[in-house]
Amino acid sequence: MSPTPDDETPVDTRDQHERVLDQLRAYGAISTELSRRFAAGLDLHPTDATALIEILEAEERGTALSPARLSERIGLTSGATSSLLNRLEENGHIVRSRVHADRRVVSLHSTSNVQHVADEFFDPLAVRLRALMDSYPDDLLARLETLLVELHSATEGYVEDLSS
């Protein structure tokens, strides 16, 4: 057992670790459900919606995804990603552009229509999450961010080891 941050009551860290991992799995599951519902609202296959969300999120970060990078992010072959992008483009959800100095580089961008639909769907959640996170001190959020980055890195490393 180790002390709690305020040193009042000992905490069984093994149980706490399991509870944290359980909550992370639950968060992943509800995130998957959100993607499924977003897909249903657009009459898309869940994998297509996942790809669309990746494109939208990249744009929010100020970076455009290439088809190759998208393929890595969603775990599809380049051929399957190409078919998926064709469907999204045919449905008016994305456009491919060659705005990079190297004209061979293709960037994926969402259309204004799908951005509007995504904003209507996800913005109310963003407001709730922002309010929740605003209720926590910055130093705690910084430590949580570090933990999540390290958990992701450890899991990603394990997945890479499985591929070796």
N, C-alpha and C. Protein backbone atom coordinates (compact mmCIF):
# COMPACT_ATOMS: atom_id res chain seq x y z
N MET A 1 0.84 -1.18 0.00
CA MET A 1 0.00 0.00 0.00
C MET A 1 0.89 1.24 0.00
N SER A 2 0.38 2.27 -0.63
CA SER A 2 1.12 3.53 -0.63
C SER A 2 0.17 4.65 -0.21
N PRO A 3 0.75 5.76 0.22
CA PRO A 3 -0.09 6.85 0.70
C PRO A 3 -0.84 7.52 -0.45
N THR A 4 -1.95 8.14 -0.10
CA THR A 4 -2.68 8.94 -1.07
C THR A 4 -1.93 10.26 -1.22
N PRO A 5 -2.26 11.05 -2.26
CA PRO A 5 -1.57 12.33 -2.42
C PRO A 5 -1.66 13.23 -1.18
N ASP A 6 -2.74 13.15 -0.43
CA ASP A 6 -2.85 14.00 0.76
C ASP A 6 -2.39 13.28 2.03
N ASP A 7 -1.84 12.08 1.87
CA ASP A 7 -1.27 11.29 2.97
C ASP A 7 -2.25 11.00 4.10
N GLU A 8 -3.54 10.94 3.79
CA GLU A 8 -4.51 10.66 4.85
C GLU A 8 -4.74 9.17 5.01
N THR A 9 -5.04 8.47 3.93
CA THR A 9 -5.41 7.08 4.00
C THR A 9 -4.62 6.29 2.98
N PRO A 10 -4.06 5.15 3.37
CA PRO A 10 -3.32 4.35 2.39
C PRO A 10 -4.26 3.83 1.30
N VAL A 11 -3.73 3.71 0.10
CA VAL A 11 -4.48 3.22 -1.04
C VAL A 11 -3.79 1.97 -1.56
N ASP A 12 -4.56 0.94 -1.85
CA ASP A 12 -4.00 -0.25 -2.47
C ASP A 12 -3.75 0.11 -3.94
N THR A 13 -2.48 0.35 -4.29
CA THR A 13 -2.17 0.85 -5.63
C THR A 13 -2.52 -0.17 -6.72
N ARG A 14 -2.45 -1.45 -6.41
CA ARG A 14 -2.80 -2.46 -7.41
C ARG A 14 -4.28 -2.32 -7.80
N ASP A 15 -5.14 -2.18 -6.80
CA ASP A 15 -6.57 -1.98 -7.08
C ASP A 15 -6.80 -0.66 -7.81
N GLN A 16 -6.08 0.37 -7.40
CA GLN A 16 -6.23 1.67 -8.05
C GLN A 16 -5.79 1.58 -9.52
N HIS A 17 -4.70 0.89 -9.79
CA HIS A 17 -4.24 0.73 -11.17
C HIS A 17 -5.30 0.04 -12.01
N GLU A 18 -5.90 -0.99 -11.47
CA GLU A 18 -6.95 -1.71 -12.20
C GLU A 18 -8.17 -0.82 -12.44
N ARG A 19 -8.54 -0.04 -11.43
CA ARG A 19 -9.69 0.86 -11.61
C ARG A 19 -9.40 1.90 -12.69
N VAL A 20 -8.20 2.44 -12.70
CA VAL A 20 -7.83 3.43 -13.72
C VAL A 20 -7.87 2.79 -15.10
N LEU A 21 -7.28 1.61 -15.24
CA LEU A 21 -7.29 0.92 -16.54
C LEU A 21 -8.71 0.56 -16.96
N ASP A 22 -9.54 0.14 -16.00
CA ASP A 22 -10.95 -0.14 -16.31
C ASP A 22 -11.65 1.11 -16.85
N GLN A 23 -11.39 2.24 -16.23
CA GLN A 23 -12.02 3.49 -16.68
C GLN A 23 -11.51 3.91 -18.06
N LEU A 24 -10.23 3.67 -18.33
CA LEU A 24 -9.70 3.97 -19.67
C LEU A 24 -10.36 3.07 -20.72
N ARG A 25 -10.55 1.81 -20.39
CA ARG A 25 -11.25 0.91 -21.32
C ARG A 25 -12.69 1.36 -21.53
N ALA A 26 -13.34 1.78 -20.46
CA ALA A 26 -14.72 2.26 -20.57
C ALA A 26 -14.78 3.53 -21.42
N TYR A 27 -13.80 4.41 -21.25
CA TYR A 27 -13.75 5.63 -22.06
C TYR A 27 -13.55 5.27 -23.53
N GLY A 28 -12.68 4.30 -23.80
CA GLY A 28 -12.49 3.84 -25.18
C GLY A 28 -13.76 3.27 -25.76
N ALA A 29 -14.50 2.52 -24.97
CA ALA A 29 -15.74 1.92 -25.45
C ALA A 29 -16.79 2.98 -25.76
N ILE A 30 -16.91 3.99 -24.91
CA ILE A 30 -17.91 5.03 -25.17
C ILE A 30 -17.48 5.90 -26.34
N SER A 31 -16.19 6.06 -26.53
CA SER A 31 -15.69 6.79 -27.69
C SER A 31 -16.03 6.05 -28.98
N THR A 32 -15.91 4.73 -28.94
CA THR A 32 -16.29 3.90 -30.08
C THR A 32 -17.78 4.02 -30.36
N GLU A 33 -18.58 4.05 -29.31
CA GLU A 33 -20.03 4.20 -29.47
C GLU A 33 -20.37 5.56 -30.08
N LEU A 34 -19.67 6.61 -29.66
CA LEU A 34 -19.89 7.93 -30.26
C LEU A 34 -19.59 7.90 -31.76
N SER A 35 -18.48 7.27 -32.12
CA SER A 35 -18.13 7.15 -33.54
C SER A 35 -19.19 6.38 -34.30
N ARG A 36 -19.71 5.33 -33.69
CA ARG A 36 -20.75 4.53 -34.34
C ARG A 36 -22.01 5.36 -34.57
N ARG A 37 -22.38 6.16 -33.58
CA ARG A 37 -23.58 7.00 -33.73
C ARG A 37 -23.37 8.12 -34.74
N PHE A 38 -22.16 8.67 -34.76
CA PHE A 38 -21.84 9.68 -35.78
C PHE A 38 -21.93 9.05 -37.16
N ALA A 39 -21.41 7.84 -37.30
CA ALA A 39 -21.47 7.11 -38.58
C ALA A 39 -22.91 6.89 -39.00
N ALA A 40 -23.74 6.46 -38.06
CA ALA A 40 -25.14 6.18 -38.38
C ALA A 40 -25.85 7.46 -38.84
N GLY A 41 -25.53 8.58 -38.22
CA GLY A 41 -26.14 9.84 -38.60
C GLY A 41 -25.79 10.28 -40.01
N LEU A 42 -24.63 9.84 -40.48
CA LEU A 42 -24.21 10.17 -41.84
C LEU A 42 -24.42 9.01 -42.80
N ASP A 43 -25.03 7.92 -42.31
CA ASP A 43 -25.25 6.72 -43.10
C ASP A 43 -23.92 6.18 -43.66
N LEU A 44 -22.92 6.13 -42.77
CA LEU A 44 -21.59 5.65 -43.12
C LEU A 44 -21.26 4.35 -42.38
N HIS A 45 -20.39 3.58 -42.97
CA HIS A 45 -19.81 2.43 -42.27
C HIS A 45 -18.96 2.99 -41.13
N PRO A 46 -18.92 2.33 -39.98
CA PRO A 46 -18.13 2.86 -38.86
C PRO A 46 -16.66 3.13 -39.20
N THR A 47 -16.06 2.30 -40.04
CA THR A 47 -14.66 2.53 -40.42
C THR A 47 -14.53 3.82 -41.23
N ASP A 48 -15.51 4.09 -42.10
CA ASP A 48 -15.49 5.33 -42.87
C ASP A 48 -15.62 6.53 -41.95
N ALA A 49 -16.48 6.42 -40.94
CA ALA A 49 -16.66 7.51 -39.98
C ALA A 49 -15.39 7.71 -39.16
N THR A 50 -14.73 6.62 -38.78
CA THR A 50 -13.48 6.74 -38.04
C THR A 50 -12.44 7.50 -38.86
N ALA A 51 -12.36 7.17 -40.14
CA ALA A 51 -11.44 7.88 -41.02
C ALA A 51 -11.81 9.35 -41.12
N LEU A 52 -13.09 9.63 -41.27
CA LEU A 52 -13.55 11.01 -41.37
C LEU A 52 -13.22 11.78 -40.09
N ILE A 53 -13.41 11.17 -38.95
CA ILE A 53 -13.09 11.81 -37.68
C ILE A 53 -11.59 12.10 -37.59
N GLU A 54 -10.77 11.16 -38.06
CA GLU A 54 -9.31 11.38 -38.07
C GLU A 54 -8.96 12.60 -38.92
N ILE A 55 -9.61 12.73 -40.07
CA ILE A 55 -9.37 13.87 -40.96
C ILE A 55 -9.81 15.17 -40.30
N LEU A 56 -10.99 15.16 -39.69
CA LEU A 56 -11.50 16.35 -39.00
C LEU A 56 -10.59 16.75 -37.84
N GLU A 57 -10.15 15.77 -37.05
CA GLU A 57 -9.29 16.07 -35.91
C GLU A 57 -7.94 16.61 -36.35
N ALA A 58 -7.40 16.06 -37.44
CA ALA A 58 -6.13 16.57 -37.96
C ALA A 58 -6.28 18.03 -38.38
N GLU A 59 -7.40 18.34 -39.01
CA GLU A 59 -7.64 19.73 -39.42
C GLU A 59 -7.76 20.64 -38.21
N GLU A 60 -8.40 20.16 -37.15
CA GLU A 60 -8.50 20.97 -35.92
C GLU A 60 -7.13 21.26 -35.35
N ARG A 61 -6.19 20.32 -35.50
CA ARG A 61 -4.82 20.52 -35.01
C ARG A 61 -4.00 21.37 -35.98
N GLY A 62 -4.59 21.71 -37.13
CA GLY A 62 -3.88 22.53 -38.11
C GLY A 62 -2.96 21.75 -39.03
N THR A 63 -3.18 20.44 -39.09
CA THR A 63 -2.37 19.61 -39.99
C THR A 63 -3.31 18.80 -40.86
N ALA A 64 -2.90 18.60 -42.09
CA ALA A 64 -3.70 17.76 -42.99
C ALA A 64 -3.10 16.36 -43.03
N LEU A 65 -3.95 15.38 -43.15
CA LEU A 65 -3.49 14.00 -43.27
C LEU A 65 -3.28 13.64 -44.73
N SER A 66 -2.30 12.81 -44.96
CA SER A 66 -2.12 12.21 -46.28
C SER A 66 -2.85 10.87 -46.25
N PRO A 67 -3.16 10.30 -47.41
CA PRO A 67 -3.78 8.97 -47.40
C PRO A 67 -2.90 7.93 -46.68
N ALA A 68 -1.59 8.02 -46.85
CA ALA A 68 -0.70 7.05 -46.18
C ALA A 68 -0.77 7.18 -44.66
N ARG A 69 -0.75 8.41 -44.18
CA ARG A 69 -0.82 8.63 -42.72
C ARG A 69 -2.19 8.18 -42.18
N LEU A 70 -3.25 8.47 -42.93
CA LEU A 70 -4.58 8.01 -42.51
C LEU A 70 -4.61 6.50 -42.44
N SER A 71 -4.03 5.85 -43.42
CA SER A 71 -3.98 4.39 -43.45
C SER A 71 -3.32 3.84 -42.18
N GLU A 72 -2.23 4.47 -41.77
CA GLU A 72 -1.55 4.06 -40.53
C GLU A 72 -2.44 4.28 -39.32
N ARG A 73 -3.11 5.43 -39.28
CA ARG A 73 -3.92 5.79 -38.12
C ARG A 73 -5.11 4.86 -37.92
N ILE A 74 -5.71 4.38 -39.04
CA ILE A 74 -6.91 3.55 -38.90
C ILE A 74 -6.64 2.07 -39.14
N GLY A 75 -5.40 1.72 -39.46
CA GLY A 75 -5.02 0.31 -39.56
C GLY A 75 -5.56 -0.40 -40.79
N LEU A 76 -5.63 0.30 -41.91
CA LEU A 76 -6.06 -0.34 -43.16
C LEU A 76 -4.91 -0.36 -44.16
N THR A 77 -5.00 -1.26 -45.11
CA THR A 77 -4.02 -1.29 -46.18
C THR A 77 -4.21 -0.05 -47.05
N SER A 78 -3.24 0.24 -47.89
CA SER A 78 -3.37 1.41 -48.76
C SER A 78 -4.53 1.22 -49.74
N GLY A 79 -4.74 0.00 -50.23
CA GLY A 79 -5.84 -0.26 -51.15
C GLY A 79 -7.19 -0.07 -50.49
N ALA A 80 -7.34 -0.57 -49.26
CA ALA A 80 -8.60 -0.40 -48.53
C ALA A 80 -8.83 1.07 -48.20
N THR A 81 -7.77 1.77 -47.85
CA THR A 81 -7.89 3.20 -47.56
C THR A 81 -8.29 3.97 -48.81
N SER A 82 -7.74 3.60 -49.94
CA SER A 82 -8.10 4.25 -51.20
C SER A 82 -9.58 4.07 -51.50
N SER A 83 -10.10 2.87 -51.31
CA SER A 83 -11.53 2.61 -51.53
C SER A 83 -12.38 3.42 -50.56
N LEU A 84 -11.96 3.47 -49.32
CA LEU A 84 -12.67 4.24 -48.30
C LEU A 84 -12.70 5.72 -48.69
N LEU A 85 -11.56 6.26 -49.11
CA LEU A 85 -11.49 7.66 -49.50
C LEU A 85 -12.36 7.94 -50.73
N ASN A 86 -12.41 7.00 -51.64
CA ASN A 86 -13.29 7.17 -52.80
C ASN A 86 -14.75 7.30 -52.35
N ARG A 87 -15.17 6.46 -51.40
CA ARG A 87 -16.54 6.54 -50.89
C ARG A 87 -16.81 7.89 -50.22
N LEU A 88 -15.87 8.33 -49.37
CA LEU A 88 -16.05 9.60 -48.68
C LEU A 88 -16.09 10.77 -49.66
N GLU A 89 -15.26 10.69 -50.69
CA GLU A 89 -15.24 11.75 -51.70
C GLU A 89 -16.53 11.75 -52.53
N GLU A 90 -16.98 10.57 -52.92
CA GLU A 90 -18.22 10.45 -53.70
C GLU A 90 -19.43 10.96 -52.93
N ASN A 91 -19.41 10.79 -51.60
CA ASN A 91 -20.52 11.26 -50.76
C ASN A 91 -20.38 12.74 -50.37
N GLY A 92 -19.34 13.39 -50.87
CA GLY A 92 -19.16 14.82 -50.60
C GLY A 92 -18.65 15.14 -49.21
N HIS A 93 -18.01 14.18 -48.54
CA HIS A 93 -17.51 14.41 -47.19
C HIS A 93 -16.07 14.92 -47.16
N ILE A 94 -15.28 14.56 -48.17
CA ILE A 94 -13.88 14.98 -48.20
C ILE A 94 -13.50 15.41 -49.61
N VAL A 95 -12.38 16.11 -49.68
CA VAL A 95 -11.72 16.40 -50.96
C VAL A 95 -10.25 16.08 -50.78
N ARG A 96 -9.64 15.68 -51.88
CA ARG A 96 -8.19 15.47 -51.90
C ARG A 96 -7.57 16.66 -52.63
N SER A 97 -6.48 17.16 -52.09
CA SER A 97 -5.83 18.29 -52.74
C SER A 97 -4.33 18.09 -52.78
N ARG A 98 -3.72 18.81 -53.69
CA ARG A 98 -2.26 18.80 -53.85
C ARG A 98 -1.75 20.22 -53.66
N VAL A 99 -1.92 20.75 -52.46
CA VAL A 99 -1.52 22.12 -52.19
C VAL A 99 -0.09 22.22 -51.69
N HIS A 100 0.52 21.10 -51.42
CA HIS A 100 1.90 21.05 -50.95
C HIS A 100 2.84 21.46 -52.09
N ALA A 101 4.00 21.99 -51.75
CA ALA A 101 4.98 22.36 -52.77
C ALA A 101 5.34 21.16 -53.64
N ASP A 102 5.39 19.98 -53.03
CA ASP A 102 5.62 18.75 -53.77
C ASP A 102 4.26 18.26 -54.23
N ARG A 103 3.94 18.45 -55.48
CA ARG A 103 2.61 18.15 -56.02
C ARG A 103 2.25 16.67 -55.93
N ARG A 104 3.21 15.81 -55.60
CA ARG A 104 2.91 14.39 -55.43
C ARG A 104 2.22 14.12 -54.11
N VAL A 105 2.34 15.05 -53.17
CA VAL A 105 1.76 14.87 -51.84
C VAL A 105 0.27 15.24 -51.88
N VAL A 106 -0.56 14.28 -51.51
CA VAL A 106 -2.00 14.48 -51.46
C VAL A 106 -2.40 14.74 -50.01
N SER A 107 -3.22 15.77 -49.81
CA SER A 107 -3.75 16.09 -48.48
C SER A 107 -5.25 15.85 -48.49
N LEU A 108 -5.75 15.38 -47.37
CA LEU A 108 -7.18 15.10 -47.22
C LEU A 108 -7.82 16.21 -46.41
N HIS A 109 -8.96 16.70 -46.91
CA HIS A 109 -9.67 17.79 -46.23
C HIS A 109 -11.16 17.48 -46.19
N SER A 110 -11.79 17.84 -45.10
CA SER A 110 -13.24 17.67 -44.99
C SER A 110 -13.93 18.81 -45.74
N THR A 111 -15.15 18.56 -46.13
CA THR A 111 -15.94 19.61 -46.77
C THR A 111 -16.65 20.44 -45.70
N SER A 112 -17.08 21.62 -46.06
CA SER A 112 -17.76 22.48 -45.08
C SER A 112 -19.06 21.83 -44.60
N ASN A 113 -19.73 21.09 -45.46
CA ASN A 113 -20.98 20.43 -45.06
C ASN A 113 -20.73 19.42 -43.94
N VAL A 114 -19.73 18.57 -44.11
CA VAL A 114 -19.47 17.55 -43.09
C VAL A 114 -18.89 18.19 -41.83
N GLN A 115 -18.16 19.29 -41.98
CA GLN A 115 -17.67 20.01 -40.80
C GLN A 115 -18.84 20.52 -39.97
N HIS A 116 -19.86 21.02 -40.66
CA HIS A 116 -21.05 21.52 -39.96
C HIS A 116 -21.76 20.38 -39.21
N VAL A 117 -21.91 19.25 -39.87
CA VAL A 117 -22.56 18.09 -39.24
C VAL A 117 -21.74 17.62 -38.03
N ALA A 118 -20.43 17.55 -38.19
CA ALA A 118 -19.56 17.12 -37.09
C ALA A 118 -19.63 18.10 -35.93
N ASP A 119 -19.63 19.40 -36.24
CA ASP A 119 -19.73 20.40 -35.18
C ASP A 119 -21.04 20.26 -34.41
N GLU A 120 -22.14 20.07 -35.12
CA GLU A 120 -23.43 19.90 -34.44
C GLU A 120 -23.43 18.67 -33.55
N PHE A 121 -22.75 17.61 -34.00
CA PHE A 121 -22.74 16.36 -33.24
C PHE A 121 -21.79 16.44 -32.05
N PHE A 122 -20.56 16.94 -32.27
CA PHE A 122 -19.52 16.85 -31.24
C PHE A 122 -19.39 18.09 -30.35
N ASP A 123 -19.83 19.26 -30.80
CA ASP A 123 -19.64 20.47 -30.00
C ASP A 123 -20.31 20.41 -28.62
N PRO A 124 -21.54 19.88 -28.50
CA PRO A 124 -22.11 19.80 -27.15
C PRO A 124 -21.27 18.94 -26.20
N LEU A 125 -20.68 17.89 -26.71
CA LEU A 125 -19.79 17.07 -25.88
C LEU A 125 -18.54 17.86 -25.52
N ALA A 126 -17.99 18.59 -26.48
CA ALA A 126 -16.78 19.38 -26.21
C ALA A 126 -17.03 20.39 -25.10
N VAL A 127 -18.20 21.00 -25.09
CA VAL A 127 -18.56 21.97 -24.05
C VAL A 127 -18.58 21.27 -22.68
N ARG A 128 -19.20 20.09 -22.62
CA ARG A 128 -19.25 19.34 -21.35
C ARG A 128 -17.86 18.94 -20.87
N LEU A 129 -17.05 18.45 -21.80
CA LEU A 129 -15.70 18.02 -21.42
C LEU A 129 -14.84 19.19 -20.98
N ARG A 130 -14.95 20.31 -21.67
CA ARG A 130 -14.19 21.51 -21.29
C ARG A 130 -14.59 21.96 -19.89
N ALA A 131 -15.87 22.00 -19.61
CA ALA A 131 -16.34 22.41 -18.27
C ALA A 131 -15.81 21.46 -17.20
N LEU A 132 -15.84 20.17 -17.50
CA LEU A 132 -15.33 19.20 -16.55
C LEU A 132 -13.83 19.41 -16.30
N MET A 133 -13.06 19.54 -17.38
CA MET A 133 -11.61 19.71 -17.21
C MET A 133 -11.27 21.04 -16.55
N ASP A 134 -12.08 22.06 -16.80
CA ASP A 134 -11.84 23.35 -16.16
C ASP A 134 -12.00 23.28 -14.64
N SER A 135 -12.69 22.25 -14.15
CA SER A 135 -12.89 22.12 -12.71
C SER A 135 -11.70 21.48 -12.00
N TYR A 136 -10.69 21.06 -12.76
CA TYR A 136 -9.50 20.44 -12.18
C TYR A 136 -8.31 21.38 -12.29
N PRO A 137 -7.40 21.32 -11.31
CA PRO A 137 -6.22 22.18 -11.36
C PRO A 137 -5.30 21.80 -12.54
N ASP A 138 -4.64 22.81 -13.08
CA ASP A 138 -3.76 22.60 -14.23
C ASP A 138 -2.66 21.58 -13.96
N ASP A 139 -2.10 21.58 -12.75
CA ASP A 139 -1.01 20.64 -12.46
C ASP A 139 -1.52 19.20 -12.47
N LEU A 140 -2.74 18.97 -12.03
CA LEU A 140 -3.30 17.61 -12.07
C LEU A 140 -3.53 17.18 -13.51
N LEU A 141 -4.07 18.09 -14.33
CA LEU A 141 -4.28 17.77 -15.74
C LEU A 141 -2.95 17.50 -16.45
N ALA A 142 -1.92 18.24 -16.10
CA ALA A 142 -0.60 18.03 -16.69
C ALA A 142 -0.06 16.64 -16.33
N ARG A 143 -0.26 16.24 -15.08
CA ARG A 143 0.19 14.91 -14.66
C ARG A 143 -0.62 13.82 -15.35
N LEU A 144 -1.92 14.05 -15.49
CA LEU A 144 -2.77 13.09 -16.19
C LEU A 144 -2.36 12.98 -17.65
N GLU A 145 -2.07 14.11 -18.27
CA GLU A 145 -1.62 14.10 -19.66
C GLU A 145 -0.34 13.27 -19.80
N THR A 146 0.59 13.46 -18.88
CA THR A 146 1.83 12.69 -18.91
C THR A 146 1.54 11.20 -18.77
N LEU A 147 0.66 10.84 -17.85
CA LEU A 147 0.30 9.44 -17.66
C LEU A 147 -0.31 8.87 -18.94
N LEU A 148 -1.23 9.60 -19.56
CA LEU A 148 -1.88 9.09 -20.77
C LEU A 148 -0.89 8.93 -21.91
N VAL A 149 0.02 9.88 -22.06
CA VAL A 149 1.05 9.78 -23.10
C VAL A 149 1.91 8.54 -22.85
N GLU A 150 2.29 8.31 -21.61
CA GLU A 150 3.13 7.16 -21.29
C GLU A 150 2.37 5.85 -21.44
N LEU A 151 1.10 5.81 -21.07
CA LEU A 151 0.28 4.61 -21.28
C LEU A 151 0.16 4.30 -22.78
N HIS A 152 -0.07 5.33 -23.57
CA HIS A 152 -0.16 5.15 -25.03
C HIS A 152 1.15 4.63 -25.58
N SER A 153 2.24 5.21 -25.16
CA SER A 153 3.56 4.80 -25.64
C SER A 153 3.86 3.34 -25.27
N ALA A 154 3.56 2.96 -24.04
CA ALA A 154 3.80 1.59 -23.60
C ALA A 154 2.94 0.60 -24.40
N THR A 155 1.70 0.95 -24.63
CA THR A 155 0.80 0.07 -25.38
C THR A 155 1.22 -0.01 -26.84
N GLU A 156 1.58 1.13 -27.41
CA GLU A 156 2.04 1.15 -28.79
C GLU A 156 3.31 0.31 -28.96
N GLY A 157 4.21 0.42 -28.00
CA GLY A 157 5.43 -0.39 -28.03
C GLY A 157 5.11 -1.88 -27.99
N TYR A 158 4.15 -2.24 -27.16
CA TYR A 158 3.74 -3.65 -27.08
C TYR A 158 3.17 -4.12 -28.41
N VAL A 159 2.32 -3.30 -29.04
CA VAL A 159 1.74 -3.66 -30.34
C VAL A 159 2.85 -3.84 -31.37
N GLU A 160 3.86 -2.95 -31.35
CA GLU A 160 4.99 -3.08 -32.28
C GLU A 160 5.75 -4.37 -32.02
N ASP A 161 5.92 -4.71 -30.74
CA ASP A 161 6.60 -5.98 -30.40
C ASP A 161 5.82 -7.17 -30.94
N LEU A 162 4.50 -7.11 -30.88
CA LEU A 162 3.68 -8.21 -31.41
C LEU A 162 3.85 -8.37 -32.92
N SER A 163 4.13 -7.26 -33.59
CA SER A 163 4.30 -7.29 -35.05
C SER A 163 5.67 -7.81 -35.45
N SER A 164 6.60 -7.85 -34.54
CA SER A 164 7.98 -8.26 -34.87
C SER A 164 8.11 -9.76 -34.99
